[in-house]
């Protein structure tokens, strides 16, 4: 008669052998030190481990739930440094759904809204089943009006700067 939510986080991301996620249990799997240059489901020396762990949680579900505690809105440590996820979120949400993830939560610090707000809106749209090809142009138009194309170029440039720091970036 008690629901228990717990975190799989930092060094403790994988379920123990033979663990079963029963109906009263929900794991909040947090890919805390994820690489922001790659999607969680892409071949990446960092994210591949998280993807394996998330899949392991989904595989041990016996009525329980797996919720991803994602950092699309950054962590306070990031100090509002760029994280360009507004396009990749759509593919990640589709991946999560395909392996049996039950939901997504995200960390949020109000001072970071101006930097990560686009990610937050994209996450909501992706989780409601909207498609990237339709949703992103509408978001850009709503936010930037006639400068939407310029904003897309800006975000692409910011993503290329982050990628130039090395193949993986945490």
N, C-alpha and C. Protein backbone atom coordinates (compact mmCIF):
# COMPACT_ATOMS: atom_id res chain seq x y z
N UNK A 1 0.82 -1.21 0.00
CA UNK A 1 0.00 0.00 0.00
C UNK A 1 0.85 1.26 0.00
N UNK A 2 2.11 1.12 -0.36
CA UNK A 2 3.03 2.26 -0.38
C UNK A 2 3.75 2.29 -1.72
N UNK A 3 3.76 3.46 -2.35
CA UNK A 3 4.53 3.64 -3.58
C UNK A 3 5.88 4.22 -3.22
N UNK A 4 6.92 3.67 -3.79
CA UNK A 4 8.28 4.12 -3.50
C UNK A 4 8.95 4.58 -4.79
N UNK A 5 9.46 5.80 -4.80
CA UNK A 5 10.24 6.35 -5.90
C UNK A 5 11.68 6.44 -5.43
N UNK A 6 12.61 6.03 -6.27
CA UNK A 6 14.03 6.12 -5.90
C UNK A 6 14.84 6.48 -7.13
N UNK A 7 16.04 6.99 -6.89
CA UNK A 7 16.90 7.45 -7.99
C UNK A 7 17.98 6.42 -8.30
N UNK A 8 18.26 6.29 -9.58
CA UNK A 8 19.45 5.58 -10.07
C UNK A 8 20.31 6.70 -10.64
N UNK A 9 21.48 6.94 -10.05
CA UNK A 9 22.10 8.24 -10.18
C UNK A 9 23.60 8.16 -10.00
N UNK A 10 24.35 8.89 -10.79
CA UNK A 10 25.81 9.02 -10.75
C UNK A 10 26.47 7.65 -10.86
N UNK A 11 26.93 7.04 -9.75
CA UNK A 11 27.63 5.75 -9.81
C UNK A 11 26.69 4.55 -9.68
N UNK A 12 25.43 4.79 -9.36
CA UNK A 12 24.50 3.70 -9.07
C UNK A 12 23.34 3.73 -10.05
N UNK A 13 23.64 3.47 -11.30
CA UNK A 13 22.65 3.63 -12.37
C UNK A 13 22.01 2.33 -12.80
N UNK A 14 22.62 1.21 -12.56
CA UNK A 14 22.13 -0.07 -13.10
C UNK A 14 21.41 -0.85 -12.00
N UNK A 15 20.33 -1.55 -12.36
CA UNK A 15 19.67 -2.38 -11.34
C UNK A 15 20.56 -3.55 -10.93
N UNK A 16 20.42 -3.96 -9.69
CA UNK A 16 21.15 -5.13 -9.21
C UNK A 16 20.66 -6.37 -9.94
N UNK A 17 21.50 -7.37 -10.02
CA UNK A 17 21.13 -8.63 -10.67
C UNK A 17 19.88 -9.21 -10.02
N UNK A 18 18.95 -9.66 -10.82
CA UNK A 18 17.68 -10.27 -10.40
C UNK A 18 16.71 -9.30 -9.73
N UNK A 19 17.01 -7.99 -9.75
CA UNK A 19 16.08 -7.01 -9.17
C UNK A 19 14.85 -6.93 -10.05
N UNK A 20 13.69 -6.80 -9.43
CA UNK A 20 12.43 -6.65 -10.15
C UNK A 20 11.76 -5.36 -9.74
N UNK A 21 11.34 -4.61 -10.71
CA UNK A 21 10.64 -3.34 -10.50
C UNK A 21 9.14 -3.67 -10.42
N UNK A 22 8.66 -3.88 -9.21
CA UNK A 22 7.27 -4.31 -8.98
C UNK A 22 6.32 -3.12 -9.02
N UNK A 23 5.01 -3.37 -9.04
CA UNK A 23 4.04 -2.28 -9.25
C UNK A 23 4.14 -1.09 -8.30
N UNK A 24 4.69 -1.26 -7.16
CA UNK A 24 4.79 -0.16 -6.21
C UNK A 24 6.11 0.60 -6.30
N UNK A 25 6.95 0.28 -7.28
CA UNK A 25 8.27 0.90 -7.40
C UNK A 25 8.40 1.71 -8.68
N UNK A 26 8.99 2.89 -8.55
CA UNK A 26 9.33 3.72 -9.71
C UNK A 26 10.78 4.16 -9.56
N UNK A 27 11.58 3.86 -10.56
CA UNK A 27 12.97 4.33 -10.56
C UNK A 27 13.03 5.62 -11.37
N UNK A 28 13.74 6.60 -10.85
CA UNK A 28 14.04 7.84 -11.57
C UNK A 28 15.49 7.71 -12.02
N UNK A 29 15.69 7.28 -13.26
CA UNK A 29 17.03 7.06 -13.82
C UNK A 29 17.60 8.40 -14.31
N UNK A 30 18.71 8.82 -13.73
CA UNK A 30 19.28 10.13 -14.03
C UNK A 30 20.61 9.99 -14.77
N UNK A 31 20.63 10.26 -16.07
CA UNK A 31 21.90 10.24 -16.81
C UNK A 31 22.68 11.54 -16.54
N UNK A 32 23.16 11.68 -15.33
CA UNK A 32 23.68 12.95 -14.81
C UNK A 32 24.87 13.49 -15.61
N UNK A 33 25.87 12.66 -15.85
CA UNK A 33 27.06 13.13 -16.56
C UNK A 33 27.00 12.76 -18.02
N UNK A 34 25.84 12.88 -18.62
CA UNK A 34 25.66 12.51 -20.02
C UNK A 34 26.49 13.40 -20.94
N UNK A 35 26.84 12.85 -22.08
CA UNK A 35 27.50 13.62 -23.12
C UNK A 35 26.42 14.42 -23.85
N UNK A 36 26.64 15.72 -23.99
CA UNK A 36 25.64 16.56 -24.66
C UNK A 36 25.88 16.66 -26.17
N UNK A 37 26.96 16.05 -26.64
CA UNK A 37 27.22 16.04 -28.09
C UNK A 37 26.50 14.90 -28.80
N UNK A 38 26.00 13.94 -28.04
CA UNK A 38 25.34 12.77 -28.62
C UNK A 38 24.00 12.53 -27.95
N UNK A 39 23.09 11.95 -28.72
CA UNK A 39 21.84 11.51 -28.12
C UNK A 39 22.13 10.34 -27.19
N UNK A 40 21.23 10.07 -26.29
CA UNK A 40 21.42 8.99 -25.32
C UNK A 40 21.49 7.64 -26.02
N UNK A 41 20.86 7.50 -27.19
CA UNK A 41 20.81 6.22 -27.89
C UNK A 41 21.85 6.11 -29.01
N UNK A 42 22.76 7.08 -29.09
CA UNK A 42 23.80 7.02 -30.13
C UNK A 42 25.04 6.33 -29.58
N UNK A 43 25.87 5.85 -30.50
CA UNK A 43 27.13 5.25 -30.11
C UNK A 43 28.01 6.34 -29.51
N UNK A 44 28.31 6.21 -28.24
CA UNK A 44 29.08 7.22 -27.51
C UNK A 44 29.66 6.52 -26.28
N UNK A 45 30.94 6.72 -25.98
CA UNK A 45 31.54 6.01 -24.84
C UNK A 45 30.88 6.35 -23.51
N UNK A 46 30.20 7.48 -23.43
CA UNK A 46 29.53 7.88 -22.19
C UNK A 46 28.06 7.47 -22.23
N UNK A 47 27.34 7.94 -23.22
CA UNK A 47 25.90 7.71 -23.28
C UNK A 47 25.52 6.26 -23.51
N UNK A 48 26.38 5.50 -24.16
CA UNK A 48 26.08 4.09 -24.39
C UNK A 48 25.86 3.35 -23.07
N UNK A 49 26.64 3.72 -22.05
CA UNK A 49 26.48 3.10 -20.73
C UNK A 49 25.13 3.48 -20.13
N UNK A 50 24.76 4.75 -20.27
CA UNK A 50 23.45 5.16 -19.76
C UNK A 50 22.33 4.45 -20.51
N UNK A 51 22.45 4.34 -21.82
CA UNK A 51 21.42 3.65 -22.60
C UNK A 51 21.29 2.20 -22.16
N UNK A 52 22.42 1.53 -21.91
CA UNK A 52 22.40 0.15 -21.42
C UNK A 52 21.69 0.07 -20.06
N UNK A 53 21.98 1.01 -19.19
CA UNK A 53 21.37 1.02 -17.85
C UNK A 53 19.87 1.28 -17.92
N UNK A 54 19.47 2.21 -18.76
CA UNK A 54 18.04 2.51 -18.92
C UNK A 54 17.32 1.27 -19.45
N UNK A 55 17.91 0.62 -20.44
CA UNK A 55 17.32 -0.60 -20.99
C UNK A 55 17.22 -1.68 -19.92
N UNK A 56 18.24 -1.80 -19.08
CA UNK A 56 18.22 -2.80 -18.00
C UNK A 56 17.07 -2.53 -17.03
N UNK A 57 16.83 -1.25 -16.72
CA UNK A 57 15.69 -0.93 -15.86
C UNK A 57 14.38 -1.30 -16.53
N UNK A 58 14.25 -0.99 -17.80
CA UNK A 58 13.01 -1.33 -18.52
C UNK A 58 12.82 -2.85 -18.58
N UNK A 59 13.92 -3.58 -18.73
CA UNK A 59 13.84 -5.04 -18.81
C UNK A 59 13.45 -5.68 -17.49
N UNK A 60 13.69 -5.02 -16.37
CA UNK A 60 13.36 -5.63 -15.07
C UNK A 60 12.00 -5.18 -14.54
N UNK A 61 11.24 -4.45 -15.37
CA UNK A 61 9.91 -4.01 -14.95
C UNK A 61 8.96 -5.21 -14.84
N UNK A 62 8.31 -5.30 -13.70
CA UNK A 62 7.22 -6.25 -13.51
C UNK A 62 6.07 -5.48 -12.89
N UNK A 63 5.60 -4.49 -13.63
CA UNK A 63 4.52 -3.64 -13.14
C UNK A 63 4.99 -2.29 -12.61
N UNK A 64 6.29 -2.16 -12.36
CA UNK A 64 6.85 -0.89 -11.89
C UNK A 64 7.05 0.07 -13.05
N UNK A 65 7.63 1.22 -12.74
CA UNK A 65 7.81 2.24 -13.77
C UNK A 65 9.25 2.73 -13.81
N UNK A 66 9.64 3.15 -15.02
CA UNK A 66 10.94 3.78 -15.26
C UNK A 66 10.67 5.19 -15.75
N UNK A 67 11.21 6.15 -15.02
CA UNK A 67 11.10 7.56 -15.39
C UNK A 67 12.52 8.10 -15.55
N UNK A 68 12.77 8.79 -16.64
CA UNK A 68 14.08 9.40 -16.87
C UNK A 68 14.09 10.78 -16.22
N UNK A 69 15.07 11.00 -15.34
CA UNK A 69 15.27 12.31 -14.74
C UNK A 69 16.36 12.97 -15.58
N UNK A 70 15.92 13.73 -16.59
CA UNK A 70 16.80 14.26 -17.61
C UNK A 70 17.26 15.68 -17.25
N UNK A 71 18.33 16.09 -17.90
CA UNK A 71 18.93 17.41 -17.64
C UNK A 71 18.89 18.29 -18.88
N UNK A 72 17.79 18.25 -19.62
CA UNK A 72 17.63 19.14 -20.76
C UNK A 72 17.64 20.60 -20.32
N UNK A 73 17.31 20.84 -19.08
CA UNK A 73 17.29 22.20 -18.54
C UNK A 73 18.55 22.48 -17.74
N UNK A 74 19.57 21.67 -17.92
CA UNK A 74 20.85 21.88 -17.27
C UNK A 74 20.83 21.49 -15.81
N UNK A 75 21.98 21.55 -15.20
CA UNK A 75 22.12 21.45 -13.76
C UNK A 75 22.72 22.78 -13.33
N UNK A 76 22.55 23.13 -12.09
CA UNK A 76 23.00 24.45 -11.64
C UNK A 76 24.48 24.65 -11.92
N UNK A 77 25.25 23.57 -11.85
CA UNK A 77 26.68 23.60 -12.12
C UNK A 77 27.00 24.14 -13.51
N UNK A 78 26.09 23.93 -14.48
CA UNK A 78 26.34 24.35 -15.85
C UNK A 78 26.31 25.86 -16.03
N UNK A 79 25.75 26.59 -15.07
CA UNK A 79 25.73 28.06 -15.11
C UNK A 79 25.18 28.61 -16.41
N UNK A 80 24.14 27.96 -16.92
CA UNK A 80 23.47 28.39 -18.15
C UNK A 80 24.34 28.30 -19.40
N UNK A 81 25.34 27.44 -19.38
CA UNK A 81 26.13 27.22 -20.59
C UNK A 81 25.26 26.50 -21.62
N UNK A 82 25.51 26.69 -22.89
CA UNK A 82 24.62 26.14 -23.92
C UNK A 82 24.49 24.62 -23.88
N UNK A 83 23.27 24.17 -24.01
CA UNK A 83 22.93 22.76 -24.23
C UNK A 83 21.86 22.78 -25.30
N UNK A 84 22.23 22.47 -26.50
CA UNK A 84 21.33 22.59 -27.63
C UNK A 84 20.65 21.23 -27.84
N UNK A 85 19.48 21.06 -27.25
CA UNK A 85 18.74 19.79 -27.32
C UNK A 85 17.41 19.92 -28.06
N UNK A 86 17.03 21.12 -28.50
CA UNK A 86 15.65 21.30 -28.97
C UNK A 86 15.30 20.44 -30.19
N UNK A 87 16.26 19.89 -30.87
CA UNK A 87 15.97 18.96 -31.97
C UNK A 87 16.16 17.51 -31.53
N UNK A 88 17.23 17.22 -30.80
CA UNK A 88 17.51 15.83 -30.42
C UNK A 88 16.50 15.29 -29.42
N UNK A 89 15.84 16.16 -28.68
CA UNK A 89 14.84 15.72 -27.70
C UNK A 89 13.78 14.84 -28.38
N UNK A 90 13.38 15.19 -29.58
CA UNK A 90 12.34 14.44 -30.27
C UNK A 90 12.77 12.99 -30.52
N UNK A 91 14.02 12.82 -30.94
CA UNK A 91 14.52 11.47 -31.19
C UNK A 91 14.72 10.70 -29.89
N UNK A 92 15.20 11.39 -28.86
CA UNK A 92 15.39 10.73 -27.57
C UNK A 92 14.06 10.30 -26.96
N UNK A 93 13.06 11.15 -27.03
CA UNK A 93 11.75 10.79 -26.48
C UNK A 93 11.17 9.58 -27.23
N UNK A 94 11.35 9.53 -28.53
CA UNK A 94 10.88 8.38 -29.32
C UNK A 94 11.64 7.12 -28.91
N UNK A 95 12.94 7.26 -28.69
CA UNK A 95 13.74 6.12 -28.24
C UNK A 95 13.26 5.63 -26.87
N UNK A 96 13.08 6.56 -25.94
CA UNK A 96 12.61 6.17 -24.60
C UNK A 96 11.29 5.41 -24.69
N UNK A 97 10.38 5.90 -25.50
CA UNK A 97 9.09 5.23 -25.65
C UNK A 97 9.28 3.83 -26.24
N UNK A 98 10.19 3.70 -27.21
CA UNK A 98 10.38 2.41 -27.89
C UNK A 98 10.93 1.33 -26.96
N UNK A 99 11.65 1.72 -25.91
CA UNK A 99 12.22 0.70 -25.01
C UNK A 99 11.39 0.51 -23.74
N UNK A 100 10.32 1.28 -23.60
CA UNK A 100 9.42 1.06 -22.46
C UNK A 100 9.55 2.04 -21.31
N UNK A 101 10.22 3.17 -21.51
CA UNK A 101 10.27 4.19 -20.46
C UNK A 101 8.87 4.76 -20.28
N UNK A 102 8.49 4.99 -19.02
CA UNK A 102 7.13 5.42 -18.70
C UNK A 102 6.96 6.94 -18.61
N UNK A 103 8.04 7.68 -18.43
CA UNK A 103 7.91 9.13 -18.33
C UNK A 103 9.26 9.81 -18.24
N UNK A 104 9.23 11.12 -18.31
CA UNK A 104 10.44 11.93 -18.23
C UNK A 104 10.16 13.11 -17.30
N UNK A 105 11.12 13.40 -16.43
CA UNK A 105 11.10 14.60 -15.61
C UNK A 105 12.38 15.34 -15.93
N UNK A 106 12.43 16.61 -15.62
CA UNK A 106 13.65 17.36 -15.89
C UNK A 106 13.96 18.31 -14.74
N UNK A 107 15.23 18.48 -14.48
CA UNK A 107 15.65 19.46 -13.49
C UNK A 107 15.44 20.84 -14.07
N UNK A 108 15.06 21.77 -13.22
CA UNK A 108 14.77 23.12 -13.71
C UNK A 108 15.16 24.15 -12.66
N UNK A 109 15.92 25.13 -13.08
CA UNK A 109 16.28 26.28 -12.24
C UNK A 109 15.74 27.53 -12.92
N UNK A 110 14.84 28.28 -12.29
CA UNK A 110 14.22 29.44 -12.96
C UNK A 110 15.21 30.39 -13.64
N UNK A 111 16.40 30.66 -13.07
CA UNK A 111 17.31 31.58 -13.77
C UNK A 111 17.78 31.06 -15.13
N UNK A 112 17.64 29.76 -15.38
CA UNK A 112 18.13 29.17 -16.63
C UNK A 112 17.07 29.17 -17.72
N UNK A 113 15.87 29.67 -17.42
CA UNK A 113 14.78 29.61 -18.40
C UNK A 113 15.16 30.24 -19.73
N UNK A 114 15.84 31.37 -19.68
CA UNK A 114 16.15 32.06 -20.94
C UNK A 114 17.10 31.26 -21.83
N UNK A 115 17.91 30.39 -21.23
CA UNK A 115 18.84 29.58 -22.01
C UNK A 115 18.21 28.25 -22.41
N UNK A 116 17.52 27.60 -21.48
CA UNK A 116 17.03 26.25 -21.71
C UNK A 116 15.53 26.18 -21.96
N UNK A 117 14.85 27.28 -21.99
CA UNK A 117 13.40 27.28 -22.21
C UNK A 117 12.99 26.59 -23.48
N UNK A 118 13.76 26.77 -24.54
CA UNK A 118 13.46 26.11 -25.82
C UNK A 118 13.50 24.59 -25.66
N UNK A 119 14.46 24.09 -24.88
CA UNK A 119 14.54 22.66 -24.61
C UNK A 119 13.28 22.17 -23.89
N UNK A 120 12.84 22.95 -22.92
CA UNK A 120 11.68 22.58 -22.13
C UNK A 120 10.43 22.50 -23.01
N UNK A 121 10.23 23.49 -23.85
CA UNK A 121 9.09 23.51 -24.76
C UNK A 121 9.18 22.32 -25.73
N UNK A 122 10.36 22.07 -26.26
CA UNK A 122 10.55 20.95 -27.19
C UNK A 122 10.25 19.62 -26.49
N UNK A 123 10.69 19.47 -25.23
CA UNK A 123 10.42 18.25 -24.49
C UNK A 123 8.91 18.04 -24.36
N UNK A 124 8.19 19.07 -24.01
CA UNK A 124 6.74 18.96 -23.86
C UNK A 124 6.09 18.57 -25.18
N UNK A 125 6.53 19.18 -26.26
CA UNK A 125 5.95 18.87 -27.57
C UNK A 125 6.29 17.44 -27.99
N UNK A 126 7.52 17.01 -27.76
CA UNK A 126 7.93 15.65 -28.12
C UNK A 126 7.12 14.62 -27.32
N UNK A 127 6.91 14.89 -26.04
CA UNK A 127 6.17 13.95 -25.21
C UNK A 127 4.69 13.90 -25.56
N UNK A 128 4.20 14.94 -26.21
CA UNK A 128 2.80 14.94 -26.66
C UNK A 128 2.67 14.35 -28.06
N UNK A 129 3.80 13.86 -28.60
CA UNK A 129 3.75 13.17 -29.89
C UNK A 129 3.93 14.06 -31.10
N UNK A 130 4.25 15.33 -30.90
CA UNK A 130 4.49 16.19 -32.06
C UNK A 130 5.80 15.78 -32.74
N UNK A 131 5.90 16.07 -34.01
CA UNK A 131 7.07 15.72 -34.80
C UNK A 131 8.02 16.91 -34.89
N UNK A 132 9.30 16.61 -34.81
CA UNK A 132 10.35 17.64 -34.86
C UNK A 132 10.19 18.54 -36.08
N UNK A 133 9.94 17.95 -37.25
CA UNK A 133 9.88 18.71 -38.50
C UNK A 133 8.79 19.79 -38.48
N UNK A 134 7.74 19.54 -37.72
CA UNK A 134 6.64 20.51 -37.62
C UNK A 134 6.78 21.40 -36.40
N UNK A 135 7.16 20.82 -35.28
CA UNK A 135 7.18 21.55 -34.02
C UNK A 135 8.29 22.59 -33.94
N UNK A 136 9.50 22.24 -34.38
CA UNK A 136 10.63 23.18 -34.23
C UNK A 136 10.41 24.46 -35.05
N UNK A 137 10.03 24.37 -36.33
CA UNK A 137 9.78 25.63 -37.05
C UNK A 137 8.69 26.49 -36.39
N UNK A 138 7.63 25.84 -35.88
CA UNK A 138 6.58 26.60 -35.20
C UNK A 138 7.10 27.27 -33.93
N UNK A 139 7.94 26.56 -33.17
CA UNK A 139 8.53 27.15 -31.96
C UNK A 139 9.40 28.34 -32.32
N UNK A 140 10.24 28.17 -33.32
CA UNK A 140 11.15 29.24 -33.71
C UNK A 140 10.36 30.47 -34.18
N UNK A 141 9.34 30.23 -34.97
CA UNK A 141 8.50 31.33 -35.46
C UNK A 141 7.82 32.03 -34.29
N UNK A 142 7.29 31.26 -33.34
CA UNK A 142 6.59 31.85 -32.20
C UNK A 142 7.55 32.66 -31.31
N UNK A 143 8.76 32.15 -31.16
CA UNK A 143 9.72 32.82 -30.28
C UNK A 143 10.47 33.97 -30.96
N UNK A 144 10.81 33.79 -32.23
CA UNK A 144 11.71 34.74 -32.88
C UNK A 144 11.09 35.48 -34.07
N UNK A 145 9.85 35.14 -34.40
CA UNK A 145 9.17 35.84 -35.48
C UNK A 145 9.94 35.79 -36.78
N UNK A 146 10.10 36.95 -37.41
CA UNK A 146 10.78 37.00 -38.71
C UNK A 146 12.26 36.64 -38.62
N UNK A 147 12.79 36.57 -37.42
CA UNK A 147 14.19 36.18 -37.23
C UNK A 147 14.37 34.69 -36.95
N UNK A 148 13.33 33.89 -37.19
CA UNK A 148 13.38 32.46 -36.89
C UNK A 148 14.54 31.76 -37.61
N UNK A 149 14.75 32.05 -38.87
CA UNK A 149 15.84 31.42 -39.62
C UNK A 149 17.19 31.80 -39.04
N UNK A 150 17.31 33.05 -38.63
CA UNK A 150 18.56 33.51 -38.01
C UNK A 150 18.78 32.80 -36.67
N UNK A 151 17.71 32.59 -35.91
CA UNK A 151 17.81 31.88 -34.63
C UNK A 151 18.26 30.43 -34.85
N UNK A 152 17.73 29.79 -35.88
CA UNK A 152 18.15 28.42 -36.20
C UNK A 152 19.65 28.38 -36.50
N UNK A 153 20.14 29.36 -37.26
CA UNK A 153 21.57 29.43 -37.57
C UNK A 153 22.38 29.63 -36.29
N UNK A 154 21.88 30.49 -35.41
CA UNK A 154 22.56 30.75 -34.13
C UNK A 154 22.67 29.47 -33.31
N UNK A 155 21.56 28.74 -33.16
CA UNK A 155 21.58 27.50 -32.37
C UNK A 155 22.49 26.46 -33.02
N UNK A 156 22.49 26.37 -34.34
CA UNK A 156 23.38 25.44 -35.03
C UNK A 156 24.84 25.82 -34.78
N UNK A 157 25.13 27.12 -34.79
CA UNK A 157 26.49 27.59 -34.52
C UNK A 157 26.90 27.27 -33.09
N UNK A 158 26.00 27.49 -32.14
CA UNK A 158 26.30 27.18 -30.73
C UNK A 158 26.56 25.68 -30.56
N UNK A 159 25.78 24.85 -31.23
CA UNK A 159 25.98 23.40 -31.15
C UNK A 159 27.35 23.03 -31.75
N UNK A 160 27.75 23.69 -32.82
CA UNK A 160 29.05 23.38 -33.43
C UNK A 160 30.20 23.80 -32.52
N UNK A 161 30.02 24.88 -31.78
CA UNK A 161 31.06 25.30 -30.83
C UNK A 161 31.22 24.25 -29.74
N UNK A 162 30.09 23.77 -29.20
CA UNK A 162 30.16 22.73 -28.18
C UNK A 162 30.81 21.47 -28.74
N UNK A 163 30.43 21.08 -29.94
CA UNK A 163 31.00 19.87 -30.57
C UNK A 163 32.50 20.04 -30.81
N UNK A 164 32.95 21.26 -31.05
CA UNK A 164 34.37 21.49 -31.34
C UNK A 164 35.26 21.30 -30.11
N UNK A 165 34.66 21.20 -28.92
CA UNK A 165 35.44 21.00 -27.70
C UNK A 165 35.98 19.58 -27.62
N UNK A 166 35.47 18.70 -28.46
CA UNK A 166 35.92 17.29 -28.48
C UNK A 166 34.76 16.42 -28.86
N UNK A 167 35.05 15.16 -29.14
CA UNK A 167 33.98 14.26 -29.61
C UNK A 167 32.87 14.09 -28.58
N UNK A 168 33.22 14.08 -27.31
CA UNK A 168 32.22 13.99 -26.24
C UNK A 168 32.40 15.17 -25.30
N UNK A 169 31.28 15.61 -24.77
CA UNK A 169 31.31 16.79 -23.90
C UNK A 169 30.31 16.58 -22.76
N UNK A 170 30.81 16.63 -21.54
CA UNK A 170 29.96 16.46 -20.37
C UNK A 170 29.79 17.81 -19.70
